[in-house]
C-alpha atoms as a PDB file:
ATOM      1  CA  ASN A   1     -42.403  65.808  32.132  1.00  0.00           C
ATOM      2  CA  GLY A   2     -40.839  69.815  32.565  1.00  0.00           C
ATOM      3  CA  LEU A   3     -40.471  70.737  29.358  1.00  0.00           C
ATOM      4  CA  ALA A   4     -44.572  69.441  29.186  1.00  0.00           C
ATOM      5  CA  GLU A   5     -45.193  71.324  32.492  1.00  0.00           C
ATOM      6  CA  ARG A   6     -43.035  74.889  30.791  1.00  0.00           C
ATOM      7  CA  LEU A   7     -45.766  75.205  27.756  1.00  0.00           C
ATOM      8  CA  ILE A   8     -49.040  74.557  29.406  1.00  0.00           C
ATOM      9  CA  GLY A   9     -48.110  77.180  31.574  1.00  0.00           C
ATOM     10  CA  SER A  10     -47.136  79.775  29.148  1.00  0.00           C
ATOM     11  CA  ILE A  11     -50.208  78.536  27.186  1.00  0.00           C
ATOM     12  CA  ARG A  12     -52.367  78.823  30.098  1.00  0.00           C
ATOM     13  CA  ARG A  13     -50.742  82.541  31.524  1.00  0.00           C
ATOM     14  CA  GLU A  14     -50.131  84.132  28.051  1.00  0.00           C
ATOM     15  CA  CYS A  15     -53.276  82.771  26.310  1.00  0.00           C
ATOM     16  CA  LEU A  16     -56.000  81.700  27.807  1.00  0.00           C
ATOM     17  CA  ASP A  17     -56.033  82.815  31.806  1.00  0.00           C
ATOM     18  CA  HIS A  18     -57.240  86.408  28.949  1.00  0.00           C
ATOM     19  CA  ILE A  19     -59.984  85.232  26.984  1.00  0.00           C
ATOM     20  CA  ILE A  20     -63.155  83.363  27.674  1.00  0.00           C
ATOM     21  CA  VAL A  21     -63.582  79.865  25.501  1.00  0.00           C
ATOM     22  CA  LEU A  22     -67.270  79.658  23.683  1.00  0.00           C
ATOM     23  CA  GLY A  23     -66.921  75.961  22.424  1.00  0.00           C
ATOM     24  CA  GLU A  24     -64.582  73.401  21.611  1.00  0.00           C
ATOM     25  CA  VAL A  25     -64.533  74.879  18.216  1.00  0.00           C
ATOM     26  CA  HIS A  26     -63.179  78.340  19.859  1.00  0.00           C
ATOM     27  CA  LEU A  27     -60.986  76.483  21.814  1.00  0.00           C
ATOM     28  CA  ARG A  28     -58.671  75.019  19.029  1.00  0.00           C
ATOM     29  CA  ARG A  29     -58.936  78.542  16.885  1.00  0.00           C
ATOM     30  CA  VAL A  30     -57.508  80.085  20.100  1.00  0.00           C
ATOM     31  CA  LEU A  31     -54.925  76.902  20.004  1.00  0.00           C
ATOM     32  CA  GLN A  32     -53.840  77.247  17.268  1.00  0.00           C
ATOM     33  CA  SER A  33     -53.252  80.672  16.943  1.00  0.00           C
ATOM     34  CA  TYR A  34     -51.366  80.741  19.689  1.00  0.00           C
ATOM     35  CA  ALA A  35     -48.956  77.995  18.416  1.00  0.00           C
ATOM     36  CA  ASP A  36     -48.591  79.571  15.090  1.00  0.00           C
ATOM     37  CA  TYR A  37     -47.149  83.028  17.277  1.00  0.00           C
ATOM     38  CA  TYR A  38     -45.629  81.047  19.608  1.00  0.00           C
ATOM     39  CA  ASP A  39     -43.545  79.423  16.790  1.00  0.00           C
ATOM     40  CA  ARG A  40     -42.798  82.468  14.632  1.00  0.00           C
ATOM     41  CA  VAL A  41     -42.912  85.620  16.306  1.00  0.00           C
ATOM     42  CA  ARG A  42     -42.517  84.764  20.261  1.00  0.00           C
ATOM     43  CA  THR A  43     -39.318  85.256  21.470  1.00  0.00           C
ATOM     44  CA  HIS A  44     -37.215  82.636  23.312  1.00  0.00           C
ATOM     45  CA  ARG A  45     -34.824  82.977  25.613  1.00  0.00           C
ATOM     46  CA  SER A  46     -33.443  80.223  25.429  1.00  0.00           C
ATOM     47  CA  LEU A  47     -32.580  80.147  22.026  1.00  0.00           C
ATOM     48  CA  ASP A  48     -31.589  84.262  21.822  1.00  0.00           C
ATOM     49  CA  LYS A  49     -34.899  86.080  21.907  1.00  0.00           C
ATOM     50  CA  ASP A  50     -35.570  84.581  18.511  1.00  0.00           C
ATOM     51  CA  ALA A  51     -38.487  82.376  17.928  1.00  0.00           C
ATOM     52  CA  PRO A  52     -37.985  78.291  17.268  1.00  0.00           C
ATOM     53  CA  VAL A  53     -38.962  79.581  13.232  1.00  0.00           C
ATOM     54  CA  SER A  54     -35.346  81.834  13.197  1.00  0.00           C
ATOM     55  CA  ARG A  55     -36.444  85.359  10.680  1.00  0.00           C
ATOM     56  CA  PRO A  56     -34.488  87.612   9.373  1.00  0.00           C
ATOM     57  CA  VAL A  57     -33.325  90.738  11.314  1.00  0.00           C
ATOM     58  CA  GLN A  58     -34.522  93.574  10.020  1.00  0.00           C
ATOM     59  CA  ARG A  59     -32.758  96.772  10.231  1.00  0.00           C
ATOM     60  CA  THR A  60     -33.988 100.446   8.791  1.00  0.00           C
ATOM     61  CA  ALA A  61     -37.666 101.221   8.382  1.00  0.00           C
ATOM     62  CA  SER A  62     -41.084 101.902  10.045  1.00  0.00           C
ATOM     63  CA  ILE A  63     -42.545  99.481  12.701  1.00  0.00           C
ATOM     64  CA  LYS A  64     -46.410  98.372  12.090  1.00  0.00           C
ATOM     65  CA  SER A  65     -47.758  96.328  14.834  1.00  0.00           C
ATOM     66  CA  PHE A  66     -49.760  93.312  13.810  1.00  0.00           C
ATOM     67  CA  PRO A  67     -51.885  92.626  17.010  1.00  0.00           C
ATOM     68  CA  ILE A  68     -51.953  88.592  17.489  1.00  0.00           C
ATOM     69  CA  LEU A  69     -55.546  86.959  19.335  1.00  0.00           C
ATOM     70  CA  ARG A  70     -57.608  90.495  18.608  1.00  0.00           C
ATOM     71  CA  GLY A  71     -54.233  91.788  20.821  1.00  0.00           C
ATOM     72  CA  LEU A  72     -53.718  90.348  23.555  1.00  0.00           C
ATOM     73  CA  HIS A  73     -49.962  90.454  21.736  1.00  0.00           C
ATOM     74  CA  HIS A  74     -48.225  92.378  18.741  1.00  0.00           C
ATOM     75  CA  HIS A  75     -46.116  91.216  15.954  1.00  0.00           C
ATOM     76  CA  TYR A  76     -44.432  94.078  15.803  1.00  0.00           C
ATOM     77  CA  VAL A  77     -42.619  94.404  12.043  1.00  0.00           C
ATOM     78  CA  ARG A  78     -40.259  97.064   9.579  1.00  0.00           C
ATOM     79  CA  LEU A  79     -41.736  97.665   6.539  1.00  0.00           C
END
């Protein structure tokens, strides 16, 4: 299945290739954090650079960075 292979590849390339997993509980926590990032923050080209859980457009304000997965990825928002 192409969709499953694409998702597994994204998880491996964007997450697990950069983290040393310390056990099953740690792996589950990392994967849950990545799933939240993937669904709520990460842009998807097929969704016109929006996330699967749509969010409002932020027009003007200062930009703040929030680390995800201890800084592996970041979420930038206007405050």
